[in-house]
């Protein structure tokens, strides 16, 4: 188990070093230097303190928001997202974002379906080590209209604003869906205190394996 944890953590750091959304791995030296830099950056991020929530939390998605479908042929899934949100794709993975709100889908290979304990020992522990002031609030099994899922709820700091360096406290919901050796993580985030319960419920239930 310890070996698995170490391998999982180092693998995640290497993914970060490669810039998740793409990196030229033709030079082993570049990867080693990047990995060393990421490890130092990760230590600094792990020591970050939680920022105070906004008094008047932004990030509410309007009840009138229109949703449209996105399908990934490479990832083998489809999902609904708010129309007009900016999209970034890389292979089977996708991010949709609008100001401080966002959602992402990341697909990885898995030996078998996850459970609460495996999510706690792997994804949650890694997140606490590599995320920004992460605080896990709970992990539980879900029975959605589109099938079984696992839900991990946590708080974190946002990435610093590139202009003013400001951060906000985020509330995150990560749903995990498994099928035939593939694990999809749907992450939804918004400023802590935003009221997106109905919208998150709709999106989480819209995920479908194809």
C-alpha atoms as a PDB file:
ATOM      1  CA  UNK A   1       0.000   0.000   0.000  1.00  0.00           C
ATOM      2  CA  UNK A   2       2.817   2.420   0.822  1.00  0.00           C
ATOM      3  CA  UNK A   3       4.448   1.719  -2.521  1.00  0.00           C
ATOM      4  CA  UNK A   4       1.141   2.404  -4.244  1.00  0.00           C
ATOM      5  CA  UNK A   5       0.746   5.729  -2.444  1.00  0.00           C
ATOM      6  CA  UNK A   6       4.272   6.849  -3.306  1.00  0.00           C
ATOM      7  CA  UNK A   7       3.898   5.831  -6.931  1.00  0.00           C
ATOM      8  CA  UNK A   8       0.557   7.596  -7.169  1.00  0.00           C
ATOM      9  CA  UNK A   9       1.923  10.811  -5.635  1.00  0.00           C
ATOM     10  CA  UNK A  10       5.075  10.849  -7.750  1.00  0.00           C
ATOM     11  CA  UNK A  11       3.005  10.178 -10.843  1.00  0.00           C
ATOM     12  CA  UNK A  12       0.814  13.151 -10.057  1.00  0.00           C
ATOM     13  CA  UNK A  13       3.843  15.386  -9.549  1.00  0.00           C
ATOM     14  CA  UNK A  14       5.199  14.227 -12.896  1.00  0.00           C
ATOM     15  CA  UNK A  15       1.882  15.064 -14.526  1.00  0.00           C
ATOM     16  CA  UNK A  16       2.122  18.532 -13.005  1.00  0.00           C
ATOM     17  CA  UNK A  17       5.694  18.859 -14.209  1.00  0.00           C
ATOM     18  CA  UNK A  18       4.581  18.028 -17.726  1.00  0.00           C
ATOM     19  CA  UNK A  19       1.900  20.659 -17.489  1.00  0.00           C
ATOM     20  CA  UNK A  20      -1.030  18.172 -17.631  1.00  0.00           C
ATOM     21  CA  UNK A  21      -2.348  19.805 -20.815  1.00  0.00           C
ATOM     22  CA  UNK A  22       0.775  18.904 -22.773  1.00  0.00           C
ATOM     23  CA  UNK A  23       4.560  18.807 -22.502  1.00  0.00           C
ATOM     24  CA  UNK A  24       7.373  17.821 -24.813  1.00  0.00           C
ATOM     25  CA  UNK A  25       8.938  14.771 -23.187  1.00  0.00           C
ATOM     26  CA  UNK A  26      11.705  14.354 -25.752  1.00  0.00           C
ATOM     27  CA  UNK A  27      14.249  15.684 -23.250  1.00  0.00           C
ATOM     28  CA  UNK A  28      14.650  13.676 -20.045  1.00  0.00           C
ATOM     29  CA  UNK A  29      16.704  16.502 -18.536  1.00  0.00           C
ATOM     30  CA  UNK A  30      13.845  18.948 -18.981  1.00  0.00           C
ATOM     31  CA  UNK A  31      11.472  16.581 -17.210  1.00  0.00           C
ATOM     32  CA  UNK A  32      13.885  16.129 -14.279  1.00  0.00           C
ATOM     33  CA  UNK A  33      14.347  19.880 -13.879  1.00  0.00           C
ATOM     34  CA  UNK A  34      10.625  20.494 -14.150  1.00  0.00           C
ATOM     35  CA  UNK A  35       9.858  17.761 -11.624  1.00  0.00           C
ATOM     36  CA  UNK A  36      12.312  19.253  -9.117  1.00  0.00           C
ATOM     37  CA  UNK A  37      10.708  22.674  -9.598  1.00  0.00           C
ATOM     38  CA  UNK A  38       7.220  21.238  -9.164  1.00  0.00           C
ATOM     39  CA  UNK A  39       8.215  19.458  -5.950  1.00  0.00           C
ATOM     40  CA  UNK A  40       9.434  22.752  -4.479  1.00  0.00           C
ATOM     41  CA  UNK A  41       6.302  24.548  -5.658  1.00  0.00           C
ATOM     42  CA  UNK A  42       4.116  21.785  -4.213  1.00  0.00           C
ATOM     43  CA  UNK A  43       5.715  22.191  -0.783  1.00  0.00           C
ATOM     44  CA  UNK A  44       4.962  25.915  -0.858  1.00  0.00           C
ATOM     45  CA  UNK A  45       1.376  25.338  -2.000  1.00  0.00           C
ATOM     46  CA  UNK A  46       0.803  22.690   0.684  1.00  0.00           C
ATOM     47  CA  UNK A  47       1.796  25.228   3.363  1.00  0.00           C
ATOM     48  CA  UNK A  48      -0.692  27.810   2.060  1.00  0.00           C
ATOM     49  CA  UNK A  49      -3.346  29.070   4.485  1.00  0.00           C
ATOM     50  CA  UNK A  50      -7.043  29.069   3.661  1.00  0.00           C
ATOM     51  CA  UNK A  51      -8.251  32.477   2.503  1.00  0.00           C
ATOM     52  CA  UNK A  52     -11.392  33.966   4.026  1.00  0.00           C
ATOM     53  CA  UNK A  53     -14.644  33.386   2.087  1.00  0.00           C
ATOM     54  CA  UNK A  54     -16.110  36.356   0.215  1.00  0.00           C
ATOM     55  CA  UNK A  55     -18.736  38.277   2.210  1.00  0.00           C
ATOM     56  CA  UNK A  56     -21.041  38.531  -0.797  1.00  0.00           C
ATOM     57  CA  UNK A  57     -20.123  35.371  -2.630  1.00  0.00           C
ATOM     58  CA  UNK A  58     -20.049  35.648  -6.430  1.00  0.00           C
ATOM     59  CA  UNK A  59     -20.490  32.660  -8.691  1.00  0.00           C
ATOM     60  CA  UNK A  60     -24.244  31.960  -8.689  1.00  0.00           C
ATOM     61  CA  UNK A  61     -25.304  30.449 -12.019  1.00  0.00           C
ATOM     62  CA  UNK A  62     -28.610  32.031 -13.142  1.00  0.00           C
ATOM     63  CA  UNK A  63     -31.716  29.834 -13.004  1.00  0.00           C
ATOM     64  CA  UNK A  64     -32.292  30.827 -16.640  1.00  0.00           C
ATOM     65  CA  UNK A  65     -28.915  29.397 -17.713  1.00  0.00           C
ATOM     66  CA  UNK A  66     -29.077  27.321 -20.905  1.00  0.00           C
ATOM     67  CA  UNK A  67     -27.181  24.009 -20.935  1.00  0.00           C
ATOM     68  CA  UNK A  68     -25.756  22.251 -23.986  1.00  0.00           C
ATOM     69  CA  UNK A  69     -24.215  18.818 -24.501  1.00  0.00           C
ATOM     70  CA  UNK A  70     -20.531  18.043 -24.951  1.00  0.00           C
ATOM     71  CA  UNK A  71     -19.415  14.621 -26.193  1.00  0.00           C
ATOM     72  CA  UNK A  72     -15.862  13.260 -26.088  1.00  0.00           C
ATOM     73  CA  UNK A  73     -15.261  10.490 -28.606  1.00  0.00           C
ATOM     74  CA  UNK A  74     -11.771   9.886 -27.204  1.00  0.00           C
ATOM     75  CA  UNK A  75     -12.929   9.789 -23.590  1.00  0.00           C
ATOM     76  CA  UNK A  76     -16.113   7.876 -24.392  1.00  0.00           C
ATOM     77  CA  UNK A  77     -18.475  10.110 -22.415  1.00  0.00           C
ATOM     78  CA  UNK A  78     -20.886  13.018 -22.730  1.00  0.00           C
ATOM     79  CA  UNK A  79     -21.982  15.732 -20.330  1.00  0.00           C
ATOM     80  CA  UNK A  80     -24.026  18.914 -20.199  1.00  0.00           C
ATOM     81  CA  UNK A  81     -22.358  22.270 -19.491  1.00  0.00           C
ATOM     82  CA  UNK A  82     -23.527  25.903 -19.267  1.00  0.00           C
ATOM     83  CA  UNK A  83     -23.719  27.489 -22.706  1.00  0.00           C
ATOM     84  CA  UNK A  84     -21.122  30.213 -23.264  1.00  0.00           C
ATOM     85  CA  UNK A  85     -18.475  28.864 -20.892  1.00  0.00           C
ATOM     86  CA  UNK A  86     -14.941  28.787 -22.295  1.00  0.00           C
ATOM     87  CA  UNK A  87     -13.733  25.302 -23.217  1.00  0.00           C
ATOM     88  CA  UNK A  88     -10.241  23.811 -23.137  1.00  0.00           C
ATOM     89  CA  UNK A  89      -9.697  20.236 -24.296  1.00  0.00           C
ATOM     90  CA  UNK A  90      -6.704  17.928 -24.346  1.00  0.00           C
ATOM     91  CA  UNK A  91      -7.351  14.397 -25.462  1.00  0.00           C
ATOM     92  CA  UNK A  92     -10.132  12.883 -23.378  1.00  0.00           C
ATOM     93  CA  UNK A  93      -9.990  15.663 -20.755  1.00  0.00           C
ATOM     94  CA  UNK A  94     -11.929  18.908 -20.813  1.00  0.00           C
ATOM     95  CA  UNK A  95     -12.360  22.094 -18.764  1.00  0.00           C
ATOM     96  CA  UNK A  96     -15.262  24.553 -18.969  1.00  0.00           C
ATOM     97  CA  UNK A  97     -14.858  27.822 -17.071  1.00  0.00           C
ATOM     98  CA  UNK A  98     -16.582  31.156 -16.569  1.00  0.00           C
ATOM     99  CA  UNK A  99     -14.997  33.696 -14.238  1.00  0.00           C
ATOM    100  CA  UNK A 100     -14.685  31.883 -10.860  1.00  0.00           C
ATOM    101  CA  UNK A 101     -16.945  28.939 -11.737  1.00  0.00           C
ATOM    102  CA  UNK A 102     -15.877  25.854 -13.616  1.00  0.00           C
ATOM    103  CA  UNK A 103     -16.131  22.161 -14.297  1.00  0.00           C
ATOM    104  CA  UNK A 104     -13.663  19.614 -15.598  1.00  0.00           C
ATOM    105  CA  UNK A 105     -13.680  15.965 -16.630  1.00  0.00           C
ATOM    106  CA  UNK A 106     -10.500  13.899 -16.329  1.00  0.00           C
ATOM    107  CA  UNK A 107     -10.377  10.275 -17.483  1.00  0.00           C
ATOM    108  CA  UNK A 108      -7.762   7.798 -16.236  1.00  0.00           C
ATOM    109  CA  UNK A 109      -7.288   4.036 -16.351  1.00  0.00           C
ATOM    110  CA  UNK A 110      -8.321   2.091 -13.246  1.00  0.00           C
ATOM    111  CA  UNK A 111      -7.894  -1.555 -12.279  1.00  0.00           C
ATOM    112  CA  UNK A 112     -11.361  -1.659 -10.740  1.00  0.00           C
ATOM    113  CA  UNK A 113     -14.204   0.482  -9.415  1.00  0.00           C
ATOM    114  CA  UNK A 114     -13.295   2.869  -6.574  1.00  0.00           C
ATOM    115  CA  UNK A 115     -14.869   2.930  -3.130  1.00  0.00           C
ATOM    116  CA  UNK A 116     -14.958   5.469  -0.307  1.00  0.00           C
ATOM    117  CA  UNK A 117     -11.776   4.097   1.252  1.00  0.00           C
ATOM    118  CA  UNK A 118      -9.777   4.072  -1.999  1.00  0.00           C
ATOM    119  CA  UNK A 119     -10.822   7.655  -2.795  1.00  0.00           C
ATOM    120  CA  UNK A 120      -9.842   8.709   0.736  1.00  0.00           C
ATOM    121  CA  UNK A 121      -6.445   6.993   0.585  1.00  0.00           C
ATOM    122  CA  UNK A 122      -5.535   8.007  -2.957  1.00  0.00           C
ATOM    123  CA  UNK A 123      -7.284  11.018  -4.498  1.00  0.00           C
ATOM    124  CA  UNK A 124      -8.071  12.780  -1.207  1.00  0.00           C
ATOM    125  CA  UNK A 125      -4.608  12.318   0.297  1.00  0.00           C
ATOM    126  CA  UNK A 126      -2.902  13.409  -2.906  1.00  0.00           C
ATOM    127  CA  UNK A 127      -5.178  16.431  -3.146  1.00  0.00           C
ATOM    128  CA  UNK A 128      -4.280  17.531   0.381  1.00  0.00           C
ATOM    129  CA  UNK A 129      -0.570  17.286  -0.476  1.00  0.00           C
ATOM    130  CA  UNK A 130      -0.687  19.037  -3.845  1.00  0.00           C
ATOM    131  CA  UNK A 131      -3.738  21.325  -3.655  1.00  0.00           C
ATOM    132  CA  UNK A 132      -4.109  24.821  -2.268  1.00  0.00           C
ATOM    133  CA  UNK A 133      -5.147  24.725   1.405  1.00  0.00           C
ATOM    134  CA  UNK A 134      -7.435  21.765   0.755  1.00  0.00           C
ATOM    135  CA  UNK A 135      -9.919  20.712   3.401  1.00  0.00           C
ATOM    136  CA  UNK A 136     -11.847  17.511   2.721  1.00  0.00           C
ATOM    137  CA  UNK A 137     -15.447  17.819   3.913  1.00  0.00           C
ATOM    138  CA  UNK A 138     -16.723  14.350   3.078  1.00  0.00           C
ATOM    139  CA  UNK A 139     -16.707  11.329   0.750  1.00  0.00           C
ATOM    140  CA  UNK A 140     -19.785   9.204   0.119  1.00  0.00           C
ATOM    141  CA  UNK A 141     -21.497   6.833  -2.279  1.00  0.00           C
ATOM    142  CA  UNK A 142     -24.164   8.322  -4.523  1.00  0.00           C
ATOM    143  CA  UNK A 143     -26.995   6.685  -6.427  1.00  0.00           C
ATOM    144  CA  UNK A 144     -27.760   9.089  -9.276  1.00  0.00           C
ATOM    145  CA  UNK A 145     -30.312   8.734 -12.052  1.00  0.00           C
ATOM    146  CA  UNK A 146     -27.412   8.004 -14.430  1.00  0.00           C
ATOM    147  CA  UNK A 147     -25.950   5.292 -12.198  1.00  0.00           C
ATOM    148  CA  UNK A 148     -23.684   4.895  -9.147  1.00  0.00           C
ATOM    149  CA  UNK A 149     -20.983   7.425  -8.348  1.00  0.00           C
ATOM    150  CA  UNK A 150     -18.726   8.530  -5.522  1.00  0.00           C
ATOM    151  CA  UNK A 151     -18.784  12.133  -4.340  1.00  0.00           C
ATOM    152  CA  UNK A 152     -15.920  13.953  -2.627  1.00  0.00           C
ATOM    153  CA  UNK A 153     -16.673  17.456  -1.340  1.00  0.00           C
ATOM    154  CA  UNK A 154     -13.831  19.759  -0.339  1.00  0.00           C
ATOM    155  CA  UNK A 155     -12.761  23.375   0.005  1.00  0.00           C
ATOM    156  CA  UNK A 156      -9.641  24.916  -1.493  1.00  0.00           C
ATOM    157  CA  UNK A 157      -8.070  28.210  -2.460  1.00  0.00           C
ATOM    158  CA  UNK A 158      -8.283  29.278  -6.077  1.00  0.00           C
ATOM    159  CA  UNK A 159      -5.222  29.862  -8.210  1.00  0.00           C
ATOM    160  CA  UNK A 160      -3.911  33.423  -7.678  1.00  0.00           C
ATOM    161  CA  UNK A 161      -5.305  36.002 -10.089  1.00  0.00           C
ATOM    162  CA  UNK A 162      -2.509  36.653 -12.627  1.00  0.00           C
ATOM    163  CA  UNK A 163      -3.022  40.426 -12.401  1.00  0.00           C
ATOM    164  CA  UNK A 164      -3.807  41.264  -8.763  1.00  0.00           C
ATOM    165  CA  UNK A 165      -2.681  37.948  -7.186  1.00  0.00           C
ATOM    166  CA  UNK A 166      -5.979  37.659  -5.303  1.00  0.00           C
ATOM    167  CA  UNK A 167      -7.383  34.259  -4.307  1.00  0.00           C
ATOM    168  CA  UNK A 168     -10.884  33.203  -3.318  1.00  0.00           C
ATOM    169  CA  UNK A 169     -12.072  30.267  -1.250  1.00  0.00           C
ATOM    170  CA  UNK A 170     -13.701  27.615  -3.422  1.00  0.00           C
ATOM    171  CA  UNK A 171     -16.188  24.857  -2.744  1.00  0.00           C
ATOM    172  CA  UNK A 172     -15.510  21.778  -4.897  1.00  0.00           C
ATOM    173  CA  UNK A 173     -17.533  18.668  -5.690  1.00  0.00           C
ATOM    174  CA  UNK A 174     -15.750  15.777  -7.403  1.00  0.00           C
ATOM    175  CA  UNK A 175     -17.891  12.959  -8.778  1.00  0.00           C
ATOM    176  CA  UNK A 176     -16.199   9.678  -9.747  1.00  0.00           C
ATOM    177  CA  UNK A 177     -17.750   7.407 -12.387  1.00  0.00           C
ATOM    178  CA  UNK A 178     -16.288   4.028 -13.351  1.00  0.00           C
ATOM    179  CA  UNK A 179     -16.823   1.726 -16.322  1.00  0.00           C
ATOM    180  CA  UNK A 180     -14.761  -1.013 -17.946  1.00  0.00           C
ATOM    181  CA  UNK A 181     -11.363   0.023 -16.621  1.00  0.00           C
ATOM    182  CA  UNK A 182     -11.884   3.774 -16.962  1.00  0.00           C
ATOM    183  CA  UNK A 183     -12.417   6.254 -14.116  1.00  0.00           C
ATOM    184  CA  UNK A 184     -13.843   9.689 -14.864  1.00  0.00           C
ATOM    185  CA  UNK A 185     -13.620  12.506 -12.326  1.00  0.00           C
ATOM    186  CA  UNK A 186     -16.109  15.326 -12.795  1.00  0.00           C
ATOM    187  CA  UNK A 187     -15.023  18.308 -10.726  1.00  0.00           C
ATOM    188  CA  UNK A 188     -17.370  21.259 -10.149  1.00  0.00           C
ATOM    189  CA  UNK A 189     -16.211  24.421  -8.401  1.00  0.00           C
ATOM    190  CA  UNK A 190     -17.456  27.861  -7.416  1.00  0.00           C
ATOM    191  CA  UNK A 191     -16.710  30.429  -4.695  1.00  0.00           C
ATOM    192  CA  UNK A 192     -17.678  29.174  -1.243  1.00  0.00           C
ATOM    193  CA  UNK A 193     -21.228  30.307  -0.506  1.00  0.00           C
ATOM    194  CA  UNK A 194     -22.425  30.379  -4.119  1.00  0.00           C
ATOM    195  CA  UNK A 195     -25.828  28.765  -4.627  1.00  0.00           C
ATOM    196  CA  UNK A 196     -25.433  26.281  -7.479  1.00  0.00           C
ATOM    197  CA  UNK A 197     -27.076  23.230  -5.929  1.00  0.00           C
ATOM    198  CA  UNK A 198     -29.580  22.707  -8.745  1.00  0.00           C
ATOM    199  CA  UNK A 199     -27.019  23.381 -11.483  1.00  0.00           C
ATOM    200  CA  UNK A 200     -24.427  21.009 -10.009  1.00  0.00           C
ATOM    201  CA  UNK A 201     -27.139  18.373  -9.589  1.00  0.00           C
ATOM    202  CA  UNK A 202     -28.101  18.698 -13.246  1.00  0.00           C
ATOM    203  CA  UNK A 203     -24.512  18.477 -14.480  1.00  0.00           C
ATOM    204  CA  UNK A 204     -23.594  15.504 -12.278  1.00  0.00           C
ATOM    205  CA  UNK A 205     -26.651  13.587 -13.494  1.00  0.00           C
ATOM    206  CA  UNK A 206     -25.948  14.433 -17.135  1.00  0.00           C
ATOM    207  CA  UNK A 207     -22.675  12.478 -17.264  1.00  0.00           C
ATOM    208  CA  UNK A 208     -22.981   9.405 -19.471  1.00  0.00           C
ATOM    209  CA  UNK A 209     -20.517   6.797 -20.663  1.00  0.00           C
ATOM    210  CA  UNK A 210     -20.949   6.215 -24.402  1.00  0.00           C
END
